[in-house]
C-alpha atoms as a PDB file:
ATOM      1  CA  ILE A   1     -44.814  42.933 -20.344  1.00  0.00           C
ATOM      2  CA  VAL A   2     -43.242  40.367 -22.620  1.00  0.00           C
ATOM      3  CA  LEU A   3     -45.433  37.883 -24.439  1.00  0.00           C
ATOM      4  CA  ASP A   4     -43.973  34.602 -25.485  1.00  0.00           C
ATOM      5  CA  VAL A   5     -45.769  34.088 -28.819  1.00  0.00           C
ATOM      6  CA  GLU A   6     -44.806  30.429 -28.959  1.00  0.00           C
ATOM      7  CA  HIS A   7     -46.804  29.744 -25.808  1.00  0.00           C
ATOM      8  CA  GLU A   8     -49.637  32.170 -26.487  1.00  0.00           C
ATOM      9  CA  PHE A   9     -52.963  30.331 -26.490  1.00  0.00           C
ATOM     10  CA  TYR A  10     -55.139  31.147 -29.497  1.00  0.00           C
ATOM     11  CA  ARG A  11     -58.212  32.988 -28.290  1.00  0.00           C
ATOM     12  CA  PRO A  12     -60.672  33.777 -31.041  1.00  0.00           C
ATOM     13  CA  SER A  13     -62.877  36.762 -30.445  1.00  0.00           C
ATOM     14  CA  PRO A  14     -66.098  35.700 -28.702  1.00  0.00           C
ATOM     15  CA  TRP A  15     -68.120  37.675 -31.239  1.00  0.00           C
ATOM     16  CA  ARG A  16     -66.378  35.891 -34.150  1.00  0.00           C
ATOM     17  CA  GLU A  17     -66.951  32.475 -32.590  1.00  0.00           C
ATOM     18  CA  PHE A  18     -70.588  33.406 -31.928  1.00  0.00           C
ATOM     19  CA  GLN A  19     -71.038  34.409 -35.588  1.00  0.00           C
ATOM     20  CA  ARG A  20     -69.337  31.250 -36.814  1.00  0.00           C
ATOM     21  CA  THR A  21     -71.395  28.956 -34.613  1.00  0.00           C
ATOM     22  CA  LEU A  22     -74.638  30.773 -35.428  1.00  0.00           C
ATOM     23  CA  TYR A  23     -73.886  30.542 -39.154  1.00  0.00           C
ATOM     24  CA  ASP A  24     -73.063  26.823 -38.920  1.00  0.00           C
ATOM     25  CA  THR A  25     -76.288  26.219 -36.990  1.00  0.00           C
ATOM     26  CA  TYR A  26     -78.332  28.203 -39.509  1.00  0.00           C
ATOM     27  CA  ARG A  27     -76.691  26.346 -42.408  1.00  0.00           C
ATOM     28  CA  GLY A  28     -77.564  23.016 -40.789  1.00  0.00           C
ATOM     29  CA  PHE A  29     -81.232  23.974 -40.415  1.00  0.00           C
ATOM     30  CA  VAL A  30     -81.396  25.217 -44.008  1.00  0.00           C
ATOM     31  CA  ARG A  31     -79.909  21.935 -45.204  1.00  0.00           C
ATOM     32  CA  ILE A  32     -82.536  19.965 -43.283  1.00  0.00           C
ATOM     33  CA  ILE A  33     -85.390  22.024 -44.773  1.00  0.00           C
ATOM     34  CA  ASP A  34     -84.019  22.017 -48.357  1.00  0.00           C
ATOM     35  CA  PRO A  35     -85.877  19.314 -50.354  1.00  0.00           C
ATOM     36  CA  ASP A  36     -82.901  18.864 -52.725  1.00  0.00           C
ATOM     37  CA  ASN A  37     -80.536  18.073 -49.873  1.00  0.00           C
ATOM     38  CA  PRO A  38     -80.102  14.477 -48.691  1.00  0.00           C
ATOM     39  CA  LEU A  39     -80.269  15.579 -45.029  1.00  0.00           C
ATOM     40  CA  THR A  40     -83.576  14.434 -43.570  1.00  0.00           C
ATOM     41  CA  LEU A  41     -85.011  13.519 -40.193  1.00  0.00           C
ATOM     42  CA  ARG A  42     -82.803  10.425 -40.396  1.00  0.00           C
ATOM     43  CA  SER A  43     -79.808  12.771 -40.275  1.00  0.00           C
ATOM     44  CA  MET A  44     -80.922  14.257 -36.968  1.00  0.00           C
ATOM     45  CA  SER A  45     -79.775  12.900 -33.615  1.00  0.00           C
ATOM     46  CA  SER A  46     -81.572  12.540 -30.336  1.00  0.00           C
ATOM     47  CA  PHE A  47     -79.933  12.749 -26.943  1.00  0.00           C
ATOM     48  CA  LEU A  48     -78.523   9.266 -27.612  1.00  0.00           C
ATOM     49  CA  GLY A  49     -76.789  10.223 -30.852  1.00  0.00           C
ATOM     50  CA  ILE A  50     -75.562  13.506 -29.404  1.00  0.00           C
ATOM     51  CA  GLY A  51     -74.200  11.645 -26.383  1.00  0.00           C
ATOM     52  CA  ALA A  52     -72.362   9.187 -28.634  1.00  0.00           C
ATOM     53  CA  VAL A  53     -70.814  12.017 -30.664  1.00  0.00           C
ATOM     54  CA  MET A  54     -69.809  13.851 -27.496  1.00  0.00           C
ATOM     55  CA  GLN A  55     -68.287  10.696 -26.016  1.00  0.00           C
ATOM     56  CA  LYS A  56     -66.200  10.110 -29.156  1.00  0.00           C
ATOM     57  CA  SER A  57     -65.199  13.760 -29.345  1.00  0.00           C
ATOM     58  CA  PHE A  58     -64.144  14.041 -25.712  1.00  0.00           C
ATOM     59  CA  SER A  59     -62.344  10.673 -25.867  1.00  0.00           C
ATOM     60  CA  ALA A  60     -60.362  11.878 -28.882  1.00  0.00           C
ATOM     61  CA  SER A  61     -59.701  15.190 -27.120  1.00  0.00           C
ATOM     62  CA  ALA A  62     -58.521  13.420 -23.972  1.00  0.00           C
ATOM     63  CA  GLU A  63     -56.253  11.173 -26.032  1.00  0.00           C
ATOM     64  CA  GLY A  64     -54.823  14.223 -27.804  1.00  0.00           C
ATOM     65  CA  ALA A  65     -54.344  15.976 -24.473  1.00  0.00           C
ATOM     66  CA  ALA A  66     -52.564  12.934 -23.038  1.00  0.00           C
ATOM     67  CA  HIS A  67     -50.030  13.015 -25.874  1.00  0.00           C
ATOM     68  CA  SER A  68     -49.474  16.762 -25.740  1.00  0.00           C
ATOM     69  CA  THR A  69     -46.237  18.214 -24.478  1.00  0.00           C
ATOM     70  CA  SER A  70     -47.603  21.363 -22.894  1.00  0.00           C
ATOM     71  CA  HIS A  71     -50.595  22.480 -20.899  1.00  0.00           C
ATOM     72  CA  LEU A  72     -51.692  24.790 -23.737  1.00  0.00           C
ATOM     73  CA  ASP A  73     -51.552  21.977 -26.269  1.00  0.00           C
ATOM     74  CA  SER A  74     -53.728  19.863 -24.008  1.00  0.00           C
ATOM     75  CA  LEU A  75     -56.237  22.733 -23.816  1.00  0.00           C
ATOM     76  CA  ARG A  76     -56.199  23.069 -27.605  1.00  0.00           C
ATOM     77  CA  ALA A  77     -57.055  19.375 -27.892  1.00  0.00           C
ATOM     78  CA  PHE A  78     -60.442  20.055 -26.298  1.00  0.00           C
ATOM     79  CA  MET A  79     -61.427  22.929 -28.620  1.00  0.00           C
ATOM     80  CA  PRO A  80     -63.298  20.722 -31.155  1.00  0.00           C
ATOM     81  CA  SER A  81     -65.337  19.184 -28.326  1.00  0.00           C
ATOM     82  CA  LEU A  82     -66.194  22.590 -26.919  1.00  0.00           C
ATOM     83  CA  ARG A  83     -67.242  23.762 -30.386  1.00  0.00           C
ATOM     84  CA  ILE A  84     -69.661  20.831 -30.582  1.00  0.00           C
ATOM     85  CA  VAL A  85     -71.135  21.810 -27.206  1.00  0.00           C
ATOM     86  CA  ALA A  86     -71.522  25.399 -28.421  1.00  0.00           C
ATOM     87  CA  MET A  87     -73.126  24.232 -31.680  1.00  0.00           C
ATOM     88  CA  ILE A  88     -75.651  22.113 -29.785  1.00  0.00           C
ATOM     89  CA  SER A  89     -76.479  25.017 -27.474  1.00  0.00           C
ATOM     90  CA  PHE A  90     -77.037  27.395 -30.386  1.00  0.00           C
ATOM     91  CA  ALA A  91     -79.060  24.810 -32.297  1.00  0.00           C
ATOM     92  CA  LEU A  92     -81.361  24.319 -29.307  1.00  0.00           C
ATOM     93  CA  ALA A  93     -81.725  28.073 -28.817  1.00  0.00           C
ATOM     94  CA  PHE A  94     -82.442  28.552 -32.533  1.00  0.00           C
ATOM     95  CA  PHE A  95     -84.960  25.693 -32.569  1.00  0.00           C
ATOM     96  CA  ASN A  96     -86.664  27.094 -29.464  1.00  0.00           C
ATOM     97  CA  LEU A  97     -87.439  30.281 -31.410  1.00  0.00           C
ATOM     98  CA  PHE A  98     -89.466  28.453 -34.069  1.00  0.00           C
ATOM     99  CA  PRO A  99     -93.064  29.721 -34.044  1.00  0.00           C
ATOM    100  CA  PHE A 100     -94.570  26.524 -32.637  1.00  0.00           C
ATOM    101  CA  PRO A 101     -97.062  27.157 -29.811  1.00  0.00           C
ATOM    102  CA  VAL A 102     -95.227  24.848 -27.399  1.00  0.00           C
ATOM    103  CA  LEU A 103     -91.898  26.674 -27.844  1.00  0.00           C
ATOM    104  CA  ASP A 104     -90.804  30.157 -26.802  1.00  0.00           C
ATOM    105  CA  GLY A 105     -90.991  31.335 -30.411  1.00  0.00           C
ATOM    106  CA  GLY A 106     -94.634  30.278 -30.454  1.00  0.00           C
ATOM    107  CA  HIS A 107     -95.375  32.385 -27.389  1.00  0.00           C
ATOM    108  CA  ILE A 108     -93.653  35.354 -29.039  1.00  0.00           C
ATOM    109  CA  PHE A 109     -95.609  34.763 -32.259  1.00  0.00           C
ATOM    110  CA  LEU A 110     -98.936  34.469 -30.436  1.00  0.00           C
ATOM    111  CA  GLY A 111     -98.215  37.606 -28.409  1.00  0.00           C
ATOM    112  CA  LEU A 112     -97.427  39.543 -31.585  1.00  0.00           C
ATOM    113  CA  TRP A 113    -100.529  38.106 -33.265  1.00  0.00           C
ATOM    114  CA  GLU A 114    -102.711  39.318 -30.386  1.00  0.00           C
ATOM    115  CA  MET A 115    -101.072  42.764 -30.525  1.00  0.00           C
ATOM    116  CA  VAL A 116    -101.682  43.094 -34.271  1.00  0.00           C
ATOM    117  CA  MET A 117    -105.233  41.696 -34.191  1.00  0.00           C
ATOM    118  CA  ARG A 118    -106.043  43.545 -30.942  1.00  0.00           C
ATOM    119  CA  ARG A 119    -107.882  40.613 -29.477  1.00  0.00           C
ATOM    120  CA  LYS A 120    -107.043  37.455 -27.588  1.00  0.00           C
ATOM    121  CA  ILE A 121    -106.854  34.106 -29.342  1.00  0.00           C
ATOM    122  CA  SER A 122    -109.636  31.827 -28.164  1.00  0.00           C
ATOM    123  CA  LEU A 123    -108.656  29.288 -25.549  1.00  0.00           C
ATOM    124  CA  ARG A 124    -109.978  26.452 -27.708  1.00  0.00           C
ATOM    125  CA  VAL A 125    -107.783  27.428 -30.699  1.00  0.00           C
ATOM    126  CA  LEU A 126    -104.802  27.884 -28.407  1.00  0.00           C
ATOM    127  CA  GLN A 127    -105.282  24.486 -26.754  1.00  0.00           C
ATOM    128  CA  THR A 128    -105.839  22.691 -30.057  1.00  0.00           C
ATOM    129  CA  THR A 129    -102.753  24.139 -31.744  1.00  0.00           C
ATOM    130  CA  THR A 130    -100.667  23.490 -28.640  1.00  0.00           C
ATOM    131  CA  TYR A 131    -101.760  19.837 -28.515  1.00  0.00           C
ATOM    132  CA  VAL A 132    -101.169  19.342 -32.247  1.00  0.00           C
ATOM    133  CA  PHE A 133     -97.662  20.796 -32.135  1.00  0.00           C
ATOM    134  CA  MET A 134     -96.832  18.937 -28.926  1.00  0.00           C
ATOM    135  CA  ILE A 135     -97.817  15.662 -30.581  1.00  0.00           C
ATOM    136  CA  LEU A 136     -95.788  16.542 -33.701  1.00  0.00           C
ATOM    137  CA  LEU A 137     -92.694  17.416 -31.662  1.00  0.00           C
ATOM    138  CA  LEU A 138     -93.010  14.260 -29.575  1.00  0.00           C
ATOM    139  CA  ALA A 139     -93.457  12.172 -32.732  1.00  0.00           C
ATOM    140  CA  VAL A 140     -90.299  13.664 -34.266  1.00  0.00           C
ATOM    141  CA  ALA A 141     -88.401  13.121 -30.997  1.00  0.00           C
ATOM    142  CA  LEU A 142     -89.516   9.483 -30.817  1.00  0.00           C
ATOM    143  CA  TYR A 143     -88.668   8.880 -34.485  1.00  0.00           C
ATOM    144  CA  VAL A 144     -85.200  10.398 -34.140  1.00  0.00           C
ATOM    145  CA  THR A 145     -84.559   8.462 -30.907  1.00  0.00           C
ATOM    146  CA  TYR A 146     -85.726   5.236 -32.578  1.00  0.00           C
ATOM    147  CA  ASN A 147     -83.244   5.818 -35.427  1.00  0.00           C
ATOM    148  CA  ASP A 148     -80.467   6.444 -32.896  1.00  0.00           C
ATOM    149  CA  VAL A 149     -81.306   3.237 -31.029  1.00  0.00           C
ATOM    150  CA  LYS A 150     -81.192   1.326 -34.318  1.00  0.00           C
ATOM    151  CA  SER A 151     -77.866   2.794 -35.379  1.00  0.00           C
ATOM    152  CA  LEU A 152     -76.154   2.734 -31.970  1.00  0.00           C
ATOM    153  CA  PHE A 153     -77.340  -0.486 -30.394  1.00  0.00           C
ATOM    154  CA  LEU A 154     -78.128  -2.821 -33.261  1.00  0.00           C
ATOM    155  CA  SER A 155     -74.880  -4.192 -34.609  1.00  0.00           C
ATOM    156  CA  GLN A 156     -74.212  -4.456 -38.316  1.00  0.00           C
ATOM    157  CA  GLU A 157     -74.198  -8.249 -37.978  1.00  0.00           C
ATOM    158  CA  GLU A 158     -77.857  -8.289 -36.987  1.00  0.00           C
ATOM    159  CA  THR A 159     -78.980  -6.374 -40.062  1.00  0.00           C
ATOM    160  CA  PRO A 160     -79.611  -8.479 -43.147  1.00  0.00           C
ATOM    161  CA  PRO A 161     -76.966  -8.187 -45.858  1.00  0.00           C
ATOM    162  CA  ALA A 162     -77.814  -6.031 -48.844  1.00  0.00           C
ATOM    163  CA  SER A 163     -79.068  -7.966 -51.822  1.00  0.00           C
ATOM    164  CA  PRO A 164     -76.628  -8.055 -54.751  1.00  0.00           C
ATOM    165  CA  LYS A 165     -77.654  -6.012 -57.765  1.00  0.00           C
END
């Protein structure tokens, strides 16, 4: 078997890509939590912001693929877009493991709590914490979506000019 190295498509090891994406996701969450970092809830994106990023990324990838001379080059053009999809998937999986009662991590936490304490959590406590965290998650989702609507759909011309200092 003869391999033509010039036309060999770069295939990173799945384990290495998994580690890289997991590390990038972890680093992003740490940056959001760090009080000294400028990343805040305003830095987060809802489905609208993610959709806009994906649209730009895939448009750029398609443009790069259109100008490529080979099939492999056109496939390489889509790698950044696929990395974004992988990053979003890992971020959602990571977030889902947070110990909030409405998420899978919360169910794991509550199950472990009941095993350690050797008794069930009262239904009233369970309902109250679930409602509180559901309201908090919905509030964050609405806030992030509101910021995306402002940044995506309100043009710069409609915002008042900054006052001179």
